[in-house]
């Protein structure tokens, strides 16, 4: 994703500096990036740091290291916090996460592995989910650790494929969604499985006629998360984006603001680091 997001400045041109300025403005004085409540937030820091890496922006390592040390002191147990911590450390330590941090994080992540082959979002969850599995696999790779038994992950994803080809978040959530289907496709491809053409067609069917992708077939308007993740999954499967390119570029442009960020959808009124990164990812995939 970062490799693709690095291509976004080709489309942004001089507006790239607007994005850099926006991202810098979201850094909190005490470290980390602020979320939508303007307080430092570990989850949003993932996207802020990824934006800085994608835009070749220098990262104030000392400030972020202190912030991450404080997060680690709180011993996060939920998968979102664990994966966010791993990703942030990886961003500021590109040669590897320090072992005293990596080992406990790895153990905590592996403790969330379910008997069904996937990963759970927390120890309280009885079943795994596609979203949690996607986060956990990425976090282990950020730590430089192998993902054990990848075949079981492929098998788990296949159990979440619905009759129409889409992918639901777990066996008990049979409603397929674009971001979840995109994550499932990416997991299957990355671990050497074969994605059914029916799943690709389901994802293509979520393209909005005016550009962008819907979160699901019955969703009224497209959104940037669904658009960026769908483009990423389709590109990974070598699906041509040529017929989608101009419409999707037009759609992303409708979400752009002169502040240097993107709204998440047409009804959104807030700007944050997360959707800034998804804007960069979408633009990167839409380059000729």
C-alpha atoms as a PDB file:
ATOM      1  CA  UNK A   1       0.000   0.000   0.000  1.00  0.00           C
ATOM      2  CA  UNK A   2       2.819   2.400   0.849  1.00  0.00           C
ATOM      3  CA  UNK A   3       4.525   1.723  -2.469  1.00  0.00           C
ATOM      4  CA  UNK A   4       1.336   2.657  -4.301  1.00  0.00           C
ATOM      5  CA  UNK A   5       0.605   5.705  -2.117  1.00  0.00           C
ATOM      6  CA  UNK A   6       4.048   7.061  -3.043  1.00  0.00           C
ATOM      7  CA  UNK A   7       2.720   7.550  -6.586  1.00  0.00           C
ATOM      8  CA  UNK A   8      -0.017   9.970  -5.463  1.00  0.00           C
ATOM      9  CA  UNK A   9       2.150  13.125  -5.853  1.00  0.00           C
ATOM     10  CA  UNK A  10       2.118  12.477  -9.614  1.00  0.00           C
ATOM     11  CA  UNK A  11      -1.596  13.323  -9.592  1.00  0.00           C
ATOM     12  CA  UNK A  12      -1.385  15.939  -6.846  1.00  0.00           C
ATOM     13  CA  UNK A  13       1.428  17.958  -8.395  1.00  0.00           C
ATOM     14  CA  UNK A  14       1.947  21.230  -6.511  1.00  0.00           C
ATOM     15  CA  UNK A  15      -0.932  20.307  -4.176  1.00  0.00           C
ATOM     16  CA  UNK A  16       1.354  17.679  -2.606  1.00  0.00           C
ATOM     17  CA  UNK A  17       2.687  20.413  -0.325  1.00  0.00           C
ATOM     18  CA  UNK A  18      -0.872  21.052   0.897  1.00  0.00           C
ATOM     19  CA  UNK A  19      -1.050  17.423   1.998  1.00  0.00           C
ATOM     20  CA  UNK A  20       2.310  17.648   3.736  1.00  0.00           C
ATOM     21  CA  UNK A  21       1.152  20.758   5.587  1.00  0.00           C
ATOM     22  CA  UNK A  22      -2.107  19.098   6.632  1.00  0.00           C
ATOM     23  CA  UNK A  23      -0.326  16.015   7.942  1.00  0.00           C
ATOM     24  CA  UNK A  24       2.176  18.101   9.892  1.00  0.00           C
ATOM     25  CA  UNK A  25      -0.721  20.059  11.411  1.00  0.00           C
ATOM     26  CA  UNK A  26      -2.151  16.820  12.839  1.00  0.00           C
ATOM     27  CA  UNK A  27       0.929  16.060  14.951  1.00  0.00           C
ATOM     28  CA  UNK A  28       0.200  16.633  18.640  1.00  0.00           C
ATOM     29  CA  UNK A  29       2.761  18.503  20.747  1.00  0.00           C
ATOM     30  CA  UNK A  30       3.037  15.491  23.063  1.00  0.00           C
ATOM     31  CA  UNK A  31       3.602  13.095  20.172  1.00  0.00           C
ATOM     32  CA  UNK A  32       1.360  11.023  17.933  1.00  0.00           C
ATOM     33  CA  UNK A  33      -1.262  12.206  15.487  1.00  0.00           C
ATOM     34  CA  UNK A  34      -4.613  13.506  16.604  1.00  0.00           C
ATOM     35  CA  UNK A  35      -7.879  11.779  15.798  1.00  0.00           C
ATOM     36  CA  UNK A  36     -11.198  13.427  15.081  1.00  0.00           C
ATOM     37  CA  UNK A  37     -11.408  14.722  18.652  1.00  0.00           C
ATOM     38  CA  UNK A  38      -8.024  16.489  18.280  1.00  0.00           C
ATOM     39  CA  UNK A  39      -6.429  14.290  20.943  1.00  0.00           C
ATOM     40  CA  UNK A  40      -3.391  12.080  20.227  1.00  0.00           C
ATOM     41  CA  UNK A  41      -4.618   8.730  18.997  1.00  0.00           C
ATOM     42  CA  UNK A  42      -2.674   5.537  18.303  1.00  0.00           C
ATOM     43  CA  UNK A  43      -4.984   4.363  15.506  1.00  0.00           C
ATOM     44  CA  UNK A  44      -4.843   7.655  13.599  1.00  0.00           C
ATOM     45  CA  UNK A  45      -1.081   7.786  14.151  1.00  0.00           C
ATOM     46  CA  UNK A  46      -0.766   4.748  11.869  1.00  0.00           C
ATOM     47  CA  UNK A  47      -2.225   6.699   8.970  1.00  0.00           C
ATOM     48  CA  UNK A  48      -0.368   9.890   9.806  1.00  0.00           C
ATOM     49  CA  UNK A  49       2.965   8.094   9.816  1.00  0.00           C
ATOM     50  CA  UNK A  50       2.112   6.185   6.639  1.00  0.00           C
ATOM     51  CA  UNK A  51       1.259   9.481   4.936  1.00  0.00           C
ATOM     52  CA  UNK A  52       4.614  10.914   5.991  1.00  0.00           C
ATOM     53  CA  UNK A  53       6.445   7.865   4.659  1.00  0.00           C
ATOM     54  CA  UNK A  54       4.486   7.953   1.392  1.00  0.00           C
ATOM     55  CA  UNK A  55       5.283  11.655   0.925  1.00  0.00           C
ATOM     56  CA  UNK A  56       8.965  11.263   1.931  1.00  0.00           C
ATOM     57  CA  UNK A  57       8.366  13.592   4.858  1.00  0.00           C
ATOM     58  CA  UNK A  58      10.846  13.500   7.731  1.00  0.00           C
ATOM     59  CA  UNK A  59       9.477  11.895  10.907  1.00  0.00           C
ATOM     60  CA  UNK A  60      10.444  13.434  14.293  1.00  0.00           C
ATOM     61  CA  UNK A  61      11.591  10.101  15.723  1.00  0.00           C
ATOM     62  CA  UNK A  62      12.195  11.196  19.314  1.00  0.00           C
ATOM     63  CA  UNK A  63       8.725  12.719  19.666  1.00  0.00           C
ATOM     64  CA  UNK A  64       7.019   9.639  18.282  1.00  0.00           C
ATOM     65  CA  UNK A  65       9.221   7.204  20.189  1.00  0.00           C
ATOM     66  CA  UNK A  66       8.172   8.820  23.489  1.00  0.00           C
ATOM     67  CA  UNK A  67       4.519   8.634  22.416  1.00  0.00           C
ATOM     68  CA  UNK A  68       4.794   4.956  21.486  1.00  0.00           C
ATOM     69  CA  UNK A  69       6.634   4.130  24.699  1.00  0.00           C
ATOM     70  CA  UNK A  70       3.687   5.552  26.635  1.00  0.00           C
ATOM     71  CA  UNK A  71       1.248   3.461  24.609  1.00  0.00           C
ATOM     72  CA  UNK A  72       3.261   0.327  25.293  1.00  0.00           C
ATOM     73  CA  UNK A  73       3.250   1.034  29.034  1.00  0.00           C
ATOM     74  CA  UNK A  74      -0.529   0.650  28.975  1.00  0.00           C
ATOM     75  CA  UNK A  75      -0.157  -2.979  27.730  1.00  0.00           C
ATOM     76  CA  UNK A  76      -2.752  -2.924  24.935  1.00  0.00           C
ATOM     77  CA  UNK A  77      -4.647  -6.179  24.491  1.00  0.00           C
ATOM     78  CA  UNK A  78      -7.158  -5.418  21.715  1.00  0.00           C
ATOM     79  CA  UNK A  79      -6.049  -6.201  18.191  1.00  0.00           C
ATOM     80  CA  UNK A  80      -6.558  -2.681  16.847  1.00  0.00           C
ATOM     81  CA  UNK A  81      -4.200  -1.216  19.455  1.00  0.00           C
ATOM     82  CA  UNK A  82      -1.697  -4.069  19.081  1.00  0.00           C
ATOM     83  CA  UNK A  83      -1.565  -3.796  15.296  1.00  0.00           C
ATOM     84  CA  UNK A  84      -1.425   0.005  15.447  1.00  0.00           C
ATOM     85  CA  UNK A  85       1.502  -0.126  17.849  1.00  0.00           C
ATOM     86  CA  UNK A  86       3.366  -2.582  15.619  1.00  0.00           C
ATOM     87  CA  UNK A  87       2.734  -0.479  12.522  1.00  0.00           C
ATOM     88  CA  UNK A  88       3.835   2.771  14.161  1.00  0.00           C
ATOM     89  CA  UNK A  89       7.056   1.257  15.518  1.00  0.00           C
ATOM     90  CA  UNK A  90       7.770  -0.164  12.084  1.00  0.00           C
ATOM     91  CA  UNK A  91       7.290   3.254  10.480  1.00  0.00           C
ATOM     92  CA  UNK A  92       9.819   4.998  12.730  1.00  0.00           C
ATOM     93  CA  UNK A  93      12.187   2.020  12.870  1.00  0.00           C
ATOM     94  CA  UNK A  94      12.345   0.813   9.254  1.00  0.00           C
ATOM     95  CA  UNK A  95      15.178  -1.612  10.040  1.00  0.00           C
ATOM     96  CA  UNK A  96      13.060  -3.519  12.517  1.00  0.00           C
ATOM     97  CA  UNK A  97      11.033  -3.098  15.678  1.00  0.00           C
ATOM     98  CA  UNK A  98      13.214  -3.360  18.824  1.00  0.00           C
ATOM     99  CA  UNK A  99      13.128  -6.910  20.227  1.00  0.00           C
ATOM    100  CA  UNK A 100      11.929  -5.895  23.733  1.00  0.00           C
ATOM    101  CA  UNK A 101       8.844  -4.465  22.021  1.00  0.00           C
ATOM    102  CA  UNK A 102       8.462  -6.961  19.177  1.00  0.00           C
ATOM    103  CA  UNK A 103       8.460 -10.131  21.295  1.00  0.00           C
ATOM    104  CA  UNK A 104       5.631  -9.148  23.681  1.00  0.00           C
ATOM    105  CA  UNK A 105       3.600  -7.773  20.763  1.00  0.00           C
ATOM    106  CA  UNK A 106       4.076 -10.981  18.807  1.00  0.00           C
ATOM    107  CA  UNK A 107       2.957 -13.097  21.767  1.00  0.00           C
ATOM    108  CA  UNK A 108      -0.116 -10.933  22.300  1.00  0.00           C
ATOM    109  CA  UNK A 109      -1.021 -11.144  18.613  1.00  0.00           C
ATOM    110  CA  UNK A 110      -0.632 -14.919  18.496  1.00  0.00           C
ATOM    111  CA  UNK A 111      -2.819 -15.272  21.577  1.00  0.00           C
ATOM    112  CA  UNK A 112      -5.680 -13.954  19.426  1.00  0.00           C
ATOM    113  CA  UNK A 113      -5.384 -16.772  16.869  1.00  0.00           C
ATOM    114  CA  UNK A 114      -8.656 -18.660  16.689  1.00  0.00           C
ATOM    115  CA  UNK A 115      -9.250 -22.388  16.263  1.00  0.00           C
ATOM    116  CA  UNK A 116     -10.952 -21.548  12.942  1.00  0.00           C
ATOM    117  CA  UNK A 117      -7.657 -20.388  11.441  1.00  0.00           C
ATOM    118  CA  UNK A 118      -8.254 -16.645  11.600  1.00  0.00           C
ATOM    119  CA  UNK A 119      -7.634 -14.045  14.293  1.00  0.00           C
ATOM    120  CA  UNK A 120     -10.034 -12.578  16.834  1.00  0.00           C
ATOM    121  CA  UNK A 121     -10.294  -8.865  17.607  1.00  0.00           C
ATOM    122  CA  UNK A 122     -10.044  -9.575  21.358  1.00  0.00           C
ATOM    123  CA  UNK A 123      -9.802 -12.485  23.760  1.00  0.00           C
ATOM    124  CA  UNK A 124     -13.499 -12.020  24.518  1.00  0.00           C
ATOM    125  CA  UNK A 125     -14.497 -12.807  20.930  1.00  0.00           C
ATOM    126  CA  UNK A 126     -15.519 -16.397  20.288  1.00  0.00           C
ATOM    127  CA  UNK A 127     -14.874 -16.265  16.539  1.00  0.00           C
ATOM    128  CA  UNK A 128     -12.337 -14.802  14.179  1.00  0.00           C
ATOM    129  CA  UNK A 129     -13.101 -12.091  11.623  1.00  0.00           C
ATOM    130  CA  UNK A 130     -11.680 -11.072   8.263  1.00  0.00           C
ATOM    131  CA  UNK A 131     -10.864  -7.579   9.547  1.00  0.00           C
ATOM    132  CA  UNK A 132      -9.003  -8.910  12.584  1.00  0.00           C
ATOM    133  CA  UNK A 133      -7.128 -11.461  10.483  1.00  0.00           C
ATOM    134  CA  UNK A 134      -6.044  -8.793   8.011  1.00  0.00           C
ATOM    135  CA  UNK A 135      -4.768  -6.568  10.838  1.00  0.00           C
ATOM    136  CA  UNK A 136      -2.982  -9.390  12.639  1.00  0.00           C
ATOM    137  CA  UNK A 137      -1.213 -10.666   9.521  1.00  0.00           C
ATOM    138  CA  UNK A 138      -0.017  -7.162   8.708  1.00  0.00           C
ATOM    139  CA  UNK A 139       1.111  -6.553  12.288  1.00  0.00           C
ATOM    140  CA  UNK A 140       3.187  -9.738  12.392  1.00  0.00           C
ATOM    141  CA  UNK A 141       4.850  -8.731   9.135  1.00  0.00           C
ATOM    142  CA  UNK A 142       5.511  -5.246  10.538  1.00  0.00           C
ATOM    143  CA  UNK A 143       7.285  -6.961  13.431  1.00  0.00           C
ATOM    144  CA  UNK A 144       9.351  -9.019  10.997  1.00  0.00           C
ATOM    145  CA  UNK A 145       7.719 -12.199  12.261  1.00  0.00           C
ATOM    146  CA  UNK A 146       6.327 -15.049  10.128  1.00  0.00           C
ATOM    147  CA  UNK A 147       2.583 -15.575   9.936  1.00  0.00           C
ATOM    148  CA  UNK A 148       2.035 -19.181  11.047  1.00  0.00           C
ATOM    149  CA  UNK A 149      -0.121 -21.640   9.097  1.00  0.00           C
ATOM    150  CA  UNK A 150      -1.148 -19.332   6.260  1.00  0.00           C
ATOM    151  CA  UNK A 151      -3.119 -22.129   4.654  1.00  0.00           C
ATOM    152  CA  UNK A 152      -5.531 -22.027   7.595  1.00  0.00           C
ATOM    153  CA  UNK A 153      -6.008 -18.309   6.978  1.00  0.00           C
ATOM    154  CA  UNK A 154      -6.973 -18.983   3.360  1.00  0.00           C
ATOM    155  CA  UNK A 155      -9.403 -21.676   4.509  1.00  0.00           C
ATOM    156  CA  UNK A 156     -10.920 -19.282   7.056  1.00  0.00           C
ATOM    157  CA  UNK A 157     -11.453 -16.571   4.439  1.00  0.00           C
ATOM    158  CA  UNK A 158     -13.173 -19.087   2.175  1.00  0.00           C
ATOM    159  CA  UNK A 159     -15.701 -19.883   4.926  1.00  0.00           C
ATOM    160  CA  UNK A 160     -16.775 -16.217   4.862  1.00  0.00           C
ATOM    161  CA  UNK A 161     -17.462 -16.106   1.107  1.00  0.00           C
ATOM    162  CA  UNK A 162     -21.182 -15.660   0.486  1.00  0.00           C
ATOM    163  CA  UNK A 163     -23.315 -17.252  -2.224  1.00  0.00           C
ATOM    164  CA  UNK A 164     -23.023 -14.173  -4.453  1.00  0.00           C
ATOM    165  CA  UNK A 165     -19.225 -14.106  -4.212  1.00  0.00           C
ATOM    166  CA  UNK A 166     -18.746 -11.287  -1.717  1.00  0.00           C
ATOM    167  CA  UNK A 167     -17.020 -11.784   1.629  1.00  0.00           C
ATOM    168  CA  UNK A 168     -18.614 -11.162   5.011  1.00  0.00           C
ATOM    169  CA  UNK A 169     -16.618 -10.303   8.117  1.00  0.00           C
ATOM    170  CA  UNK A 170     -17.241 -13.698   9.743  1.00  0.00           C
ATOM    171  CA  UNK A 171     -19.460 -16.729   9.420  1.00  0.00           C
ATOM    172  CA  UNK A 172     -22.158 -15.034  11.488  1.00  0.00           C
ATOM    173  CA  UNK A 173     -22.073 -11.846   9.355  1.00  0.00           C
ATOM    174  CA  UNK A 174     -23.258 -13.039   5.933  1.00  0.00           C
ATOM    175  CA  UNK A 175     -23.593  -9.510   4.532  1.00  0.00           C
ATOM    176  CA  UNK A 176     -20.589  -8.889   2.245  1.00  0.00           C
ATOM    177  CA  UNK A 177     -18.950  -5.465   2.327  1.00  0.00           C
ATOM    178  CA  UNK A 178     -16.438  -3.920  -0.060  1.00  0.00           C
ATOM    179  CA  UNK A 179     -13.601  -3.253   2.452  1.00  0.00           C
ATOM    180  CA  UNK A 180     -13.998  -6.741   3.955  1.00  0.00           C
ATOM    181  CA  UNK A 181     -14.130  -8.398   0.523  1.00  0.00           C
ATOM    182  CA  UNK A 182     -11.037  -6.425  -0.487  1.00  0.00           C
ATOM    183  CA  UNK A 183      -9.208  -7.551   2.663  1.00  0.00           C
ATOM    184  CA  UNK A 184     -10.223 -11.162   2.033  1.00  0.00           C
ATOM    185  CA  UNK A 185      -9.023 -11.033  -1.572  1.00  0.00           C
ATOM    186  CA  UNK A 186      -5.711  -9.554  -0.451  1.00  0.00           C
ATOM    187  CA  UNK A 187      -5.203 -12.244   2.213  1.00  0.00           C
ATOM    188  CA  UNK A 188      -5.918 -15.068  -0.234  1.00  0.00           C
ATOM    189  CA  UNK A 189      -3.608 -13.628  -2.878  1.00  0.00           C
ATOM    190  CA  UNK A 190      -0.806 -12.762  -0.470  1.00  0.00           C
ATOM    191  CA  UNK A 191      -0.712 -16.238   1.040  1.00  0.00           C
ATOM    192  CA  UNK A 192      -0.744 -18.049  -2.289  1.00  0.00           C
ATOM    193  CA  UNK A 193      -4.401 -18.933  -2.738  1.00  0.00           C
ATOM    194  CA  UNK A 194      -6.633 -18.416  -5.755  1.00  0.00           C
ATOM    195  CA  UNK A 195      -9.437 -15.862  -5.672  1.00  0.00           C
ATOM    196  CA  UNK A 196     -12.655 -17.018  -7.300  1.00  0.00           C
ATOM    197  CA  UNK A 197     -13.689 -14.929 -10.317  1.00  0.00           C
ATOM    198  CA  UNK A 198     -17.140 -14.619  -8.774  1.00  0.00           C
ATOM    199  CA  UNK A 199     -15.606 -12.638  -5.896  1.00  0.00           C
ATOM    200  CA  UNK A 200     -13.808 -10.303  -8.309  1.00  0.00           C
ATOM    201  CA  UNK A 201     -17.066  -9.737 -10.200  1.00  0.00           C
ATOM    202  CA  UNK A 202     -18.899  -9.005  -6.945  1.00  0.00           C
ATOM    203  CA  UNK A 203     -16.342  -6.336  -6.115  1.00  0.00           C
ATOM    204  CA  UNK A 204     -16.512  -4.820  -9.595  1.00  0.00           C
ATOM    205  CA  UNK A 205     -20.292  -4.724  -9.210  1.00  0.00           C
ATOM    206  CA  UNK A 206     -19.894  -2.287  -6.316  1.00  0.00           C
ATOM    207  CA  UNK A 207     -18.420   0.392  -8.593  1.00  0.00           C
ATOM    208  CA  UNK A 208     -20.716   3.436  -8.630  1.00  0.00           C
ATOM    209  CA  UNK A 209     -21.741   4.638 -12.123  1.00  0.00           C
ATOM    210  CA  UNK A 210     -20.548   8.146 -11.231  1.00  0.00           C
ATOM    211  CA  UNK A 211     -17.211   6.963  -9.841  1.00  0.00           C
ATOM    212  CA  UNK A 212     -15.917   5.439  -6.632  1.00  0.00           C
ATOM    213  CA  UNK A 213     -17.038   2.254  -4.935  1.00  0.00           C
ATOM    214  CA  UNK A 214     -19.991   1.558  -2.687  1.00  0.00           C
ATOM    215  CA  UNK A 215     -19.488  -0.167   0.678  1.00  0.00           C
ATOM    216  CA  UNK A 216     -22.039  -2.727  -0.532  1.00  0.00           C
ATOM    217  CA  UNK A 217     -24.543  -3.155  -3.377  1.00  0.00           C
ATOM    218  CA  UNK A 218     -27.336  -1.487  -1.393  1.00  0.00           C
ATOM    219  CA  UNK A 219     -25.296   1.473  -0.106  1.00  0.00           C
ATOM    220  CA  UNK A 220     -26.609   4.800  -1.489  1.00  0.00           C
ATOM    221  CA  UNK A 221     -23.301   6.657  -2.011  1.00  0.00           C
ATOM    222  CA  UNK A 222     -19.671   5.653  -2.566  1.00  0.00           C
ATOM    223  CA  UNK A 223     -16.960   6.290   0.021  1.00  0.00           C
ATOM    224  CA  UNK A 224     -13.201   6.714  -0.068  1.00  0.00           C
ATOM    225  CA  UNK A 225     -12.350   3.713   2.143  1.00  0.00           C
ATOM    226  CA  UNK A 226     -14.295   1.353  -0.115  1.00  0.00           C
ATOM    227  CA  UNK A 227     -12.836   2.988  -3.230  1.00  0.00           C
ATOM    228  CA  UNK A 228      -9.202   2.783  -2.120  1.00  0.00           C
ATOM    229  CA  UNK A 229      -9.413  -0.769  -0.788  1.00  0.00           C
ATOM    230  CA  UNK A 230     -11.334  -2.051  -3.819  1.00  0.00           C
ATOM    231  CA  UNK A 231      -8.800  -0.523  -6.216  1.00  0.00           C
ATOM    232  CA  UNK A 232      -5.984  -2.084  -4.185  1.00  0.00           C
ATOM    233  CA  UNK A 233      -7.555  -5.543  -4.223  1.00  0.00           C
ATOM    234  CA  UNK A 234      -8.397  -5.401  -7.919  1.00  0.00           C
ATOM    235  CA  UNK A 235      -4.918  -4.193  -8.859  1.00  0.00           C
ATOM    236  CA  UNK A 236      -3.428  -7.037  -6.831  1.00  0.00           C
ATOM    237  CA  UNK A 237      -5.435  -9.457  -8.952  1.00  0.00           C
ATOM    238  CA  UNK A 238      -4.199  -7.760 -12.153  1.00  0.00           C
ATOM    239  CA  UNK A 239      -7.691  -6.539 -13.032  1.00  0.00           C
ATOM    240  CA  UNK A 240      -7.485  -3.632 -15.470  1.00  0.00           C
ATOM    241  CA  UNK A 241      -8.606  -0.351 -13.913  1.00  0.00           C
ATOM    242  CA  UNK A 242      -8.691   1.476 -17.245  1.00  0.00           C
ATOM    243  CA  UNK A 243     -12.497   1.685 -17.502  1.00  0.00           C
ATOM    244  CA  UNK A 244     -12.715   2.893 -13.894  1.00  0.00           C
ATOM    245  CA  UNK A 245      -9.832   5.361 -13.951  1.00  0.00           C
ATOM    246  CA  UNK A 246     -11.395   8.639 -15.080  1.00  0.00           C
ATOM    247  CA  UNK A 247     -14.635   8.178 -13.131  1.00  0.00           C
ATOM    248  CA  UNK A 248     -12.744   7.283  -9.964  1.00  0.00           C
ATOM    249  CA  UNK A 249     -10.348  10.201 -10.408  1.00  0.00           C
ATOM    250  CA  UNK A 250     -13.342  12.507 -10.753  1.00  0.00           C
ATOM    251  CA  UNK A 251     -14.883  10.990  -7.629  1.00  0.00           C
ATOM    252  CA  UNK A 252     -11.726  11.408  -5.535  1.00  0.00           C
ATOM    253  CA  UNK A 253     -11.493  14.994  -6.752  1.00  0.00           C
ATOM    254  CA  UNK A 254     -14.978  15.702  -5.338  1.00  0.00           C
ATOM    255  CA  UNK A 255     -13.635  14.774  -1.886  1.00  0.00           C
ATOM    256  CA  UNK A 256     -10.447  16.865  -2.103  1.00  0.00           C
ATOM    257  CA  UNK A 257     -10.101  20.026  -0.021  1.00  0.00           C
ATOM    258  CA  UNK A 258      -7.611  22.856  -0.279  1.00  0.00           C
ATOM    259  CA  UNK A 259      -6.600  22.109   3.310  1.00  0.00           C
ATOM    260  CA  UNK A 260      -4.673  19.174   1.873  1.00  0.00           C
ATOM    261  CA  UNK A 261      -6.954  16.295   2.820  1.00  0.00           C
ATOM    262  CA  UNK A 262      -9.967  14.318   1.624  1.00  0.00           C
ATOM    263  CA  UNK A 263     -13.421  13.846   3.057  1.00  0.00           C
ATOM    264  CA  UNK A 264     -14.440  10.227   3.572  1.00  0.00           C
ATOM    265  CA  UNK A 265     -17.626  10.610   1.492  1.00  0.00           C
ATOM    266  CA  UNK A 266     -19.963  13.290   0.203  1.00  0.00           C
ATOM    267  CA  UNK A 267     -21.773  13.681   3.546  1.00  0.00           C
ATOM    268  CA  UNK A 268     -18.575  13.833   5.637  1.00  0.00           C
ATOM    269  CA  UNK A 269     -17.599  17.084   7.349  1.00  0.00           C
ATOM    270  CA  UNK A 270     -14.361  16.106   9.114  1.00  0.00           C
ATOM    271  CA  UNK A 271     -10.807  15.734   7.878  1.00  0.00           C
ATOM    272  CA  UNK A 272      -8.312  13.282   9.349  1.00  0.00           C
ATOM    273  CA  UNK A 273      -5.132  11.340   8.629  1.00  0.00           C
ATOM    274  CA  UNK A 274      -6.975   8.096   7.849  1.00  0.00           C
ATOM    275  CA  UNK A 275      -8.867   9.388   4.844  1.00  0.00           C
ATOM    276  CA  UNK A 276      -5.859  11.399   3.757  1.00  0.00           C
ATOM    277  CA  UNK A 277      -3.990   8.113   3.398  1.00  0.00           C
ATOM    278  CA  UNK A 278      -6.882   6.446   1.580  1.00  0.00           C
ATOM    279  CA  UNK A 279      -6.926   9.405  -0.804  1.00  0.00           C
ATOM    280  CA  UNK A 280      -3.215   8.891  -1.506  1.00  0.00           C
ATOM    281  CA  UNK A 281      -3.731   5.145  -1.976  1.00  0.00           C
ATOM    282  CA  UNK A 282      -6.606   5.668  -4.413  1.00  0.00           C
ATOM    283  CA  UNK A 283      -4.676   8.269  -6.432  1.00  0.00           C
ATOM    284  CA  UNK A 284      -1.639   6.007  -6.559  1.00  0.00           C
ATOM    285  CA  UNK A 285      -3.658   3.180  -8.093  1.00  0.00           C
ATOM    286  CA  UNK A 286      -5.298   5.517 -10.596  1.00  0.00           C
ATOM    287  CA  UNK A 287      -2.067   6.603 -12.237  1.00  0.00           C
ATOM    288  CA  UNK A 288      -1.770   5.421 -15.885  1.00  0.00           C
END
